[in-house]
Amino acid sequence: RTRALALARRCQGARTPALAGLVLGELTARQRQVVALAAAGLSNREIAERLTLSVRTVGNHLYSAYTRLGTGDRGALPCLLERLA
């Protein structure tokens, strides 16, 4: 697993279900919560209210998750999470 993670980091643009699964496992529990709510269509403000966070904190969690998941597109989250489930 450690070697796979190192290889995934070296192949910055590579996207396969196996690599995506490894990366999803690297998300913190809070990042997974925020990503799941964003994928469900909630706005940053709605996510912040639901999780008792600031809107900026939600944005920071999403930014970090996008980086780890290799996407910058909020619209891609539902498909990405579906493939990883």
PDB file of N, CA and C in Angstrom:
ATOM      1  N   ARG A   1       0.826  -1.195   0.000  1.00  0.00           N
ATOM      2  CA  ARG A   1       0.000   0.000   0.000  1.00  0.00           C
ATOM      3  C   ARG A   1       0.869   1.256   0.000  1.00  0.00           C
ATOM      4  N   THR A   2       1.908   1.267   0.825  1.00  0.00           N
ATOM      5  CA  THR A   2       2.790   2.428   0.890  1.00  0.00           C
ATOM      6  C   THR A   2       3.465   2.665  -0.455  1.00  0.00           C
ATOM      7  N   ARG A   3       3.931   1.586  -1.075  1.00  0.00           N
ATOM      8  CA  ARG A   3       4.572   1.723  -2.386  1.00  0.00           C
ATOM      9  C   ARG A   3       3.569   2.225  -3.422  1.00  0.00           C
ATOM     10  N   ALA A   4       2.342   1.709  -3.367  1.00  0.00           N
ATOM     11  CA  ALA A   4       1.309   2.144  -4.314  1.00  0.00           C
ATOM     12  C   ALA A   4       1.020   3.631  -4.145  1.00  0.00           C
ATOM     13  N   LEU A   5       0.972   4.108  -2.914  1.00  0.00           N
ATOM     14  CA  LEU A   5       0.739   5.532  -2.672  1.00  0.00           C
ATOM     15  C   LEU A   5       1.889   6.364  -3.222  1.00  0.00           C
ATOM     16  N   ALA A   6       3.114   5.899  -3.024  1.00  0.00           N
ATOM     17  CA  ALA A   6       4.275   6.631  -3.546  1.00  0.00           C
ATOM     18  C   ALA A   6       4.229   6.690  -5.066  1.00  0.00           C
ATOM     19  N   LEU A   7       3.892   5.589  -5.702  1.00  0.00           N
ATOM     20  CA  LEU A   7       3.786   5.571  -7.162  1.00  0.00           C
ATOM     21  C   LEU A   7       2.649   6.467  -7.645  1.00  0.00           C
ATOM     22  N   ALA A   8       1.538   6.457  -6.938  1.00  0.00           N
ATOM     23  CA  ALA A   8       0.402   7.303  -7.321  1.00  0.00           C
ATOM     24  C   ALA A   8       0.786   8.775  -7.267  1.00  0.00           C
ATOM     25  N   ARG A   9       1.555   9.153  -6.267  1.00  0.00           N
ATOM     26  CA  ARG A   9       1.988  10.553  -6.158  1.00  0.00           C
ATOM     27  C   ARG A   9       2.930  10.933  -7.300  1.00  0.00           C
ATOM     28  N   ARG A  10       3.767   9.991  -7.733  1.00  0.00           N
ATOM     29  CA  ARG A  10       4.697  10.262  -8.831  1.00  0.00           C
ATOM     30  C   ARG A  10       3.972  10.376 -10.163  1.00  0.00           C
ATOM     31  N   CYS A  11       2.845   9.714 -10.308  1.00  0.00           N
ATOM     32  CA  CYS A  11       2.050   9.745 -11.550  1.00  0.00           C
ATOM     33  C   CYS A  11       0.907  10.727 -11.345  1.00  0.00           C
ATOM     34  N   GLN A  12       1.215  11.991 -11.295  1.00  0.00           N
ATOM     35  CA  GLN A  12       0.267  13.020 -10.885  1.00  0.00           C
ATOM     36  C   GLN A  12      -1.044  13.013 -11.646  1.00  0.00           C
ATOM     37  N   GLY A  13      -1.033  12.726 -12.927  1.00  0.00           N
ATOM     38  CA  GLY A  13      -2.265  12.789 -13.695  1.00  0.00           C
ATOM     39  C   GLY A  13      -2.972  11.460 -13.846  1.00  0.00           C
ATOM     40  N   ALA A  14      -2.380  10.385 -13.340  1.00  0.00           N
ATOM     41  CA  ALA A  14      -2.957   9.054 -13.526  1.00  0.00           C
ATOM     42  C   ALA A  14      -4.241   8.909 -12.725  1.00  0.00           C
ATOM     43  N   ARG A  15      -5.260   8.357 -13.384  1.00  0.00           N
ATOM     44  CA  ARG A  15      -6.536   8.128 -12.701  1.00  0.00           C
ATOM     45  C   ARG A  15      -7.049   6.747 -13.059  1.00  0.00           C
ATOM     46  N   THR A  16      -7.041   5.878 -12.090  1.00  0.00           N
ATOM     47  CA  THR A  16      -7.647   4.565 -12.239  1.00  0.00           C
ATOM     48  C   THR A  16      -8.459   4.323 -10.979  1.00  0.00           C
ATOM     49  N   PRO A  17      -9.432   3.416 -11.018  1.00  0.00           N
ATOM     50  CA  PRO A  17     -10.195   3.139  -9.796  1.00  0.00           C
ATOM     51  C   PRO A  17      -9.297   2.725  -8.631  1.00  0.00           C
ATOM     52  N   ALA A  18      -8.270   1.934  -8.916  1.00  0.00           N
ATOM     53  CA  ALA A  18      -7.380   1.490  -7.840  1.00  0.00           C
ATOM     54  C   ALA A  18      -6.634   2.663  -7.214  1.00  0.00           C
ATOM     55  N   LEU A  19      -6.095   3.545  -8.049  1.00  0.00           N
ATOM     56  CA  LEU A  19      -5.377   4.707  -7.518  1.00  0.00           C
ATOM     57  C   LEU A  19      -6.325   5.658  -6.808  1.00  0.00           C
ATOM     58  N   ALA A  20      -7.500   5.860  -7.368  1.00  0.00           N
ATOM     59  CA  ALA A  20      -8.468   6.755  -6.734  1.00  0.00           C
ATOM     60  C   ALA A  20      -8.874   6.219  -5.370  1.00  0.00           C
ATOM     61  N   GLY A  21      -9.025   4.908  -5.262  1.00  0.00           N
ATOM     62  CA  GLY A  21      -9.370   4.296  -3.979  1.00  0.00           C
ATOM     63  C   GLY A  21      -8.305   4.528  -2.932  1.00  0.00           C
ATOM     64  N   LEU A  22      -7.053   4.451  -3.342  1.00  0.00           N
ATOM     65  CA  LEU A  22      -5.962   4.727  -2.414  1.00  0.00           C
ATOM     66  C   LEU A  22      -6.010   6.165  -1.937  1.00  0.00           C
ATOM     67  N   VAL A  23      -6.257   7.076  -2.865  1.00  0.00           N
ATOM     68  CA  VAL A  23      -6.281   8.493  -2.522  1.00  0.00           C
ATOM     69  C   VAL A  23      -7.468   8.805  -1.626  1.00  0.00           C
ATOM     70  N   LEU A  24      -8.635   8.225  -1.915  1.00  0.00           N
ATOM     71  CA  LEU A  24      -9.806   8.476  -1.074  1.00  0.00           C
ATOM     72  C   LEU A  24      -9.527   8.043   0.353  1.00  0.00           C
ATOM     73  N   GLY A  25      -8.777   6.962   0.503  1.00  0.00           N
ATOM     74  CA  GLY A  25      -8.407   6.507   1.834  1.00  0.00           C
ATOM     75  C   GLY A  25      -7.518   7.492   2.564  1.00  0.00           C
ATOM     76  N   GLU A  26      -6.850   8.371   1.826  1.00  0.00           N
ATOM     77  CA  GLU A  26      -5.980   9.370   2.444  1.00  0.00           C
ATOM     78  C   GLU A  26      -6.756  10.581   2.949  1.00  0.00           C
ATOM     79  N   LEU A  27      -8.000  10.733   2.551  1.00  0.00           N
ATOM     80  CA  LEU A  27      -8.793  11.865   3.025  1.00  0.00           C
ATOM     81  C   LEU A  27      -9.069  11.699   4.509  1.00  0.00           C
ATOM     82  N   THR A  28      -9.115  12.814   5.208  1.00  0.00           N
ATOM     83  CA  THR A  28      -9.496  12.760   6.614  1.00  0.00           C
ATOM     84  C   THR A  28     -10.983  12.454   6.701  1.00  0.00           C
ATOM     85  N   ALA A  29     -11.424  12.065   7.873  1.00  0.00           N
ATOM     86  CA  ALA A  29     -12.847  11.771   8.067  1.00  0.00           C
ATOM     87  C   ALA A  29     -13.686  13.003   7.740  1.00  0.00           C
ATOM     88  N   ARG A  30     -13.225  14.172   8.151  1.00  0.00           N
ATOM     89  CA  ARG A  30     -13.973  15.404   7.892  1.00  0.00           C
ATOM     90  C   ARG A  30     -13.995  15.720   6.404  1.00  0.00           C
ATOM     91  N   GLN A  31     -12.874  15.521   5.721  1.00  0.00           N
ATOM     92  CA  GLN A  31     -12.847  15.752   4.275  1.00  0.00           C
ATOM     93  C   GLN A  31     -13.828  14.821   3.571  1.00  0.00           C
ATOM     94  N   ARG A  32     -13.892  13.559   4.010  1.00  0.00           N
ATOM     95  CA  ARG A  32     -14.847  12.621   3.400  1.00  0.00           C
ATOM     96  C   ARG A  32     -16.278  13.090   3.623  1.00  0.00           C
ATOM     97  N   GLN A  33     -16.576  13.613   4.816  1.00  0.00           N
ATOM     98  CA  GLN A  33     -17.920  14.138   5.088  1.00  0.00           C
ATOM     99  C   GLN A  33     -18.242  15.298   4.162  1.00  0.00           C
ATOM    100  N   VAL A  34     -17.322  16.235   4.070  1.00  0.00           N
ATOM    101  CA  VAL A  34     -17.539  17.430   3.248  1.00  0.00           C
ATOM    102  C   VAL A  34     -17.695  17.044   1.782  1.00  0.00           C
ATOM    103  N   VAL A  35     -16.848  16.153   1.292  1.00  0.00           N
ATOM    104  CA  VAL A  35     -16.929  15.711  -0.105  1.00  0.00           C
ATOM    105  C   VAL A  35     -18.258  15.019  -0.369  1.00  0.00           C
ATOM    106  N   ALA A  36     -18.699  14.176   0.547  1.00  0.00           N
ATOM    107  CA  ALA A  36     -19.973  13.474   0.359  1.00  0.00           C
ATOM    108  C   ALA A  36     -21.132  14.460   0.280  1.00  0.00           C
ATOM    109  N   LEU A  37     -21.134  15.473   1.131  1.00  0.00           N
ATOM    110  CA  LEU A  37     -22.210  16.465   1.108  1.00  0.00           C
ATOM    111  C   LEU A  37     -22.141  17.328  -0.147  1.00  0.00           C
ATOM    112  N   ALA A  38     -20.931  17.674  -0.568  1.00  0.00           N
ATOM    113  CA  ALA A  38     -20.775  18.448  -1.807  1.00  0.00           C
ATOM    114  C   ALA A  38     -21.249  17.623  -2.998  1.00  0.00           C
ATOM    115  N   ALA A  39     -20.933  16.335  -2.992  1.00  0.00           N
ATOM    116  CA  ALA A  39     -21.362  15.449  -4.080  1.00  0.00           C
ATOM    117  C   ALA A  39     -22.877  15.310  -4.104  1.00  0.00           C
ATOM    118  N   ALA A  40     -23.506  15.449  -2.939  1.00  0.00           N
ATOM    119  CA  ALA A  40     -24.967  15.366  -2.853  1.00  0.00           C
ATOM    120  C   ALA A  40     -25.639  16.653  -3.310  1.00  0.00           C
ATOM    121  N   GLY A  41     -24.835  17.671  -3.625  1.00  0.00           N
ATOM    122  CA  GLY A  41     -25.388  18.904  -4.171  1.00  0.00           C
ATOM    123  C   GLY A  41     -25.520  20.054  -3.199  1.00  0.00           C
ATOM    124  N   LEU A  42     -25.048  19.894  -1.971  1.00  0.00           N
ATOM    125  CA  LEU A  42     -25.134  20.983  -1.008  1.00  0.00           C
ATOM    126  C   LEU A  42     -24.089  22.048  -1.322  1.00  0.00           C
ATOM    127  N   SER A  43     -24.439  23.289  -1.057  1.00  0.00           N
ATOM    128  CA  SER A  43     -23.499  24.398  -1.236  1.00  0.00           C
ATOM    129  C   SER A  43     -22.536  24.430  -0.053  1.00  0.00           C
ATOM    130  N   ASN A  44     -21.470  25.192  -0.192  1.00  0.00           N
ATOM    131  CA  ASN A  44     -20.521  25.325   0.914  1.00  0.00           C
ATOM    132  C   ASN A  44     -21.215  25.863   2.161  1.00  0.00           C
ATOM    133  N   ARG A  45     -22.105  26.820   1.979  1.00  0.00           N
ATOM    134  CA  ARG A  45     -22.831  27.386   3.125  1.00  0.00           C
ATOM    135  C   ARG A  45     -23.701  26.324   3.797  1.00  0.00           C
ATOM    136  N   GLU A  46     -24.392  25.516   3.009  1.00  0.00           N
ATOM    137  CA  GLU A  46     -25.244  24.459   3.573  1.00  0.00           C
ATOM    138  C   GLU A  46     -24.405  23.404   4.299  1.00  0.00           C
ATOM    139  N   ILE A  47     -23.265  23.066   3.727  1.00  0.00           N
ATOM    140  CA  ILE A  47     -22.366  22.105   4.375  1.00  0.00           C
ATOM    141  C   ILE A  47     -21.864  22.683   5.694  1.00  0.00           C
ATOM    142  N   ALA A  48     -21.477  23.952   5.681  1.00  0.00           N
ATOM    143  CA  ALA A  48     -20.982  24.613   6.891  1.00  0.00           C
ATOM    144  C   ALA A  48     -22.033  24.594   7.993  1.00  0.00           C
ATOM    145  N   GLU A  49     -23.267  24.895   7.642  1.00  0.00           N
ATOM    146  CA  GLU A  49     -24.337  24.895   8.641  1.00  0.00           C
ATOM    147  C   GLU A  49     -24.575  23.492   9.189  1.00  0.00           C
ATOM    148  N   ARG A  50     -24.569  22.506   8.311  1.00  0.00           N
ATOM    149  CA  ARG A  50     -24.845  21.134   8.729  1.00  0.00           C
ATOM    150  C   ARG A  50     -23.745  20.588   9.643  1.00  0.00           C
ATOM    151  N   LEU A  51     -22.491  20.929   9.357  1.00  0.00           N
ATOM    152  CA  LEU A  51     -21.367  20.384  10.122  1.00  0.00           C
ATOM    153  C   LEU A  51     -20.829  21.350  11.174  1.00  0.00           C
ATOM    154  N   THR A  52     -21.473  22.494  11.331  1.00  0.00           N
ATOM    155  CA  THR A  52     -21.057  23.524  12.278  1.00  0.00           C
ATOM    156  C   THR A  52     -19.608  23.944  12.030  1.00  0.00           C
ATOM    157  N   LEU A  53     -19.350  24.331  10.790  1.00  0.00           N
ATOM    158  CA  LEU A  53     -18.043  24.826  10.373  1.00  0.00           C
ATOM    159  C   LEU A  53     -18.228  26.189   9.730  1.00  0.00           C
ATOM    160  N   SER A  54     -17.131  26.899   9.524  1.00  0.00           N
ATOM    161  CA  SER A  54     -17.224  28.132   8.751  1.00  0.00           C
ATOM    162  C   SER A  54     -17.227  27.772   7.268  1.00  0.00           C
ATOM    163  N   VAL A  55     -17.759  28.669   6.455  1.00  0.00           N
ATOM    164  CA  VAL A  55     -17.789  28.450   5.012  1.00  0.00           C
ATOM    165  C   VAL A  55     -16.359  28.334   4.481  1.00  0.00           C
ATOM    166  N   ARG A  56     -15.469  29.126   5.034  1.00  0.00           N
ATOM    167  CA  ARG A  56     -14.069  29.078   4.591  1.00  0.00           C
ATOM    168  C   ARG A  56     -13.425  27.723   4.907  1.00  0.00           C
ATOM    169  N   THR A  57     -13.741  27.164   6.069  1.00  0.00           N
ATOM    170  CA  THR A  57     -13.205  25.850   6.430  1.00  0.00           C
ATOM    171  C   THR A  57     -13.707  24.785   5.466  1.00  0.00           C
ATOM    172  N   VAL A  58     -14.971  24.863   5.088  1.00  0.00           N
ATOM    173  CA  VAL A  58     -15.523  23.923   4.110  1.00  0.00           C
ATOM    174  C   VAL A  58     -14.750  24.048   2.802  1.00  0.00           C
ATOM    175  N   GLY A  59     -14.528  25.272   2.361  1.00  0.00           N
ATOM    176  CA  GLY A  59     -13.769  25.496   1.137  1.00  0.00           C
ATOM    177  C   GLY A  59     -12.363  24.925   1.220  1.00  0.00           C
ATOM    178  N   ASN A  60     -11.729  25.081   2.373  1.00  0.00           N
ATOM    179  CA  ASN A  60     -10.381  24.532   2.559  1.00  0.00           C
ATOM    180  C   ASN A  60     -10.385  23.006   2.496  1.00  0.00           C
ATOM    181  N   HIS A  61     -11.389  22.388   3.134  1.00  0.00           N
ATOM    182  CA  HIS A  61     -11.498  20.926   3.083  1.00  0.00           C
ATOM    183  C   HIS A  61     -11.707  20.454   1.647  1.00  0.00           C
ATOM    184  N   LEU A  62     -12.554  21.149   0.910  1.00  0.00           N
ATOM    185  CA  LEU A  62     -12.799  20.764  -0.484  1.00  0.00           C
ATOM    186  C   LEU A  62     -11.540  20.937  -1.327  1.00  0.00           C
ATOM    187  N   TYR A  63     -10.840  22.031  -1.130  1.00  0.00           N
ATOM    188  CA  TYR A  63      -9.611  22.268  -1.890  1.00  0.00           C
ATOM    189  C   TYR A  63      -8.604  21.137  -1.653  1.00  0.00           C
ATOM    190  N   SER A  64      -8.414  20.780  -0.395  1.00  0.00           N
ATOM    191  CA  SER A  64      -7.481  19.696  -0.065  1.00  0.00           C
ATOM    192  C   SER A  64      -7.941  18.375  -0.667  1.00  0.00           C
ATOM    193  N   ALA A  65      -9.236  18.123  -0.596  1.00  0.00           N
ATOM    194  CA  ALA A  65      -9.775  16.877  -1.149  1.00  0.00           C
ATOM    195  C   ALA A  65      -9.633  16.847  -2.662  1.00  0.00           C
ATOM    196  N   TYR A  66      -9.904  17.974  -3.327  1.00  0.00           N
ATOM    197  CA  TYR A  66      -9.754  18.030  -4.785  1.00  0.00           C
ATOM    198  C   TYR A  66      -8.319  17.696  -5.177  1.00  0.00           C
ATOM    199  N   THR A  67      -7.372  18.232  -4.434  1.00  0.00           N
ATOM    200  CA  THR A  67      -5.962  17.979  -4.721  1.00  0.00           C
ATOM    201  C   THR A  67      -5.647  16.496  -4.578  1.00  0.00           C
ATOM    202  N   ARG A  68      -6.115  15.894  -3.515  1.00  0.00           N
ATOM    203  CA  ARG A  68      -5.839  14.474  -3.279  1.00  0.00           C
ATOM    204  C   ARG A  68      -6.587  13.568  -4.252  1.00  0.00           C
ATOM    205  N   LEU A  69      -7.768  13.994  -4.672  1.00  0.00           N
ATOM    206  CA  LEU A  69      -8.565  13.181  -5.594  1.00  0.00           C
ATOM    207  C   LEU A  69      -8.195  13.423  -7.049  1.00  0.00           C
ATOM    208  N   GLY A  70      -7.395  14.439  -7.297  1.00  0.00           N
ATOM    209  CA  GLY A  70      -6.971  14.722  -8.661  1.00  0.00           C
ATOM    210  C   GLY A  70      -8.038  15.375  -9.508  1.00  0.00           C
ATOM    211  N   THR A  71      -8.917  16.131  -8.872  1.00  0.00           N
ATOM    212  CA  THR A  71      -9.958  16.841  -9.610  1.00  0.00           C
ATOM    213  C   THR A  71     -10.094  18.245  -9.050  1.00  0.00           C
ATOM    214  N   GLY A  72     -10.568  19.150  -9.844  1.00  0.00           N
ATOM    215  CA  GLY A  72     -10.850  20.500  -9.382  1.00  0.00           C
ATOM    216  C   GLY A  72     -12.295  20.830  -9.665  1.00  0.00           C
ATOM    217  N   ASP A  73     -13.024  19.818 -10.064  1.00  0.00           N
ATOM    218  CA  ASP A  73     -14.392  19.996 -10.527  1.00  0.00           C
ATOM    219  C   ASP A  73     -15.384  19.402  -9.536  1.00  0.00           C
ATOM    220  N   ARG A  74     -16.158  20.245  -8.898  1.00  0.00           N
ATOM    221  CA  ARG A  74     -17.166  19.794  -7.939  1.00  0.00           C
ATOM    222  C   ARG A  74     -18.179  18.868  -8.604  1.00  0.00           C
ATOM    223  N   GLY A  75     -18.457  19.123  -9.868  1.00  0.00           N
ATOM    224  CA  GLY A  75     -19.413  18.298 -10.596  1.00  0.00           C
ATOM    225  C   GLY A  75     -18.941  16.869 -10.803  1.00  0.00           C
ATOM    226  N   ALA A  76     -17.638  16.641 -10.705  1.00  0.00           N
ATOM    227  CA  ALA A  76     -17.093  15.289 -10.885  1.00  0.00           C
ATOM    228  C   ALA A  76     -17.193  14.448  -9.613  1.00  0.00           C
ATOM    229  N   LEU A  77     -17.485  15.071  -8.487  1.00  0.00           N
ATOM    230  CA  LEU A  77     -17.497  14.338  -7.221  1.00  0.00           C
ATOM    231  C   LEU A  77     -18.505  13.193  -7.184  1.00  0.00           C
ATOM    232  N   PRO A  78     -19.761  13.390  -7.618  1.00  0.00           N
ATOM    233  CA  PRO A  78     -20.703  12.261  -7.547  1.00  0.00           C
ATOM    234  C   PRO A  78     -20.225  11.038  -8.329  1.00  0.00           C
ATOM    235  N   CYS A  79     -19.730  11.241  -9.537  1.00  0.00           N
ATOM    236  CA  CYS A  79     -19.240  10.117 -10.350  1.00  0.00           C
ATOM    237  C   CYS A  79     -18.021   9.479  -9.709  1.00  0.00           C
ATOM    238  N   LEU A  80     -17.135  10.301  -9.186  1.00  0.00           N
ATOM    239  CA  LEU A  80     -15.926   9.790  -8.554  1.00  0.00           C
ATOM    240  C   LEU A  80     -16.273   8.942  -7.335  1.00  0.00           C
ATOM    241  N   LEU A  81     -17.163   9.439  -6.491  1.00  0.00           N
ATOM    242  CA  LEU A  81     -17.548   8.687  -5.298  1.00  0.00           C
ATOM    243  C   LEU A  81     -18.299   7.416  -5.662  1.00  0.00           C
ATOM    244  N   GLU A  82     -19.101   7.473  -6.711  1.00  0.00           N
ATOM    245  CA  GLU A  82     -19.846   6.286  -7.154  1.00  0.00           C
ATOM    246  C   GLU A  82     -18.886   5.195  -7.621  1.00  0.00           C
ATOM    247  N   ARG A  83     -17.862   5.575  -8.368  1.00  0.00           N
ATOM    248  CA  ARG A  83     -16.882   4.597  -8.854  1.00  0.00           C
ATOM    249  C   ARG A  83     -16.086   3.984  -7.717  1.00  0.00           C
ATOM    250  N   LEU A  84     -15.911   4.743  -6.638  1.00  0.00           N
ATOM    251  CA  LEU A  84     -15.104   4.263  -5.523  1.00  0.00           C
ATOM    252  C   LEU A  84     -15.904   3.460  -4.516  1.00  0.00           C
ATOM    253  N   ALA A  85     -17.215   3.525  -4.614  1.00  0.00           N
ATOM    254  CA  ALA A  85     -18.058   2.836  -3.622  1.00  0.00           C
ATOM    255  C   ALA A  85     -18.045   1.337  -3.815  1.00  0.00           C
TER     256      ALA A  85
END
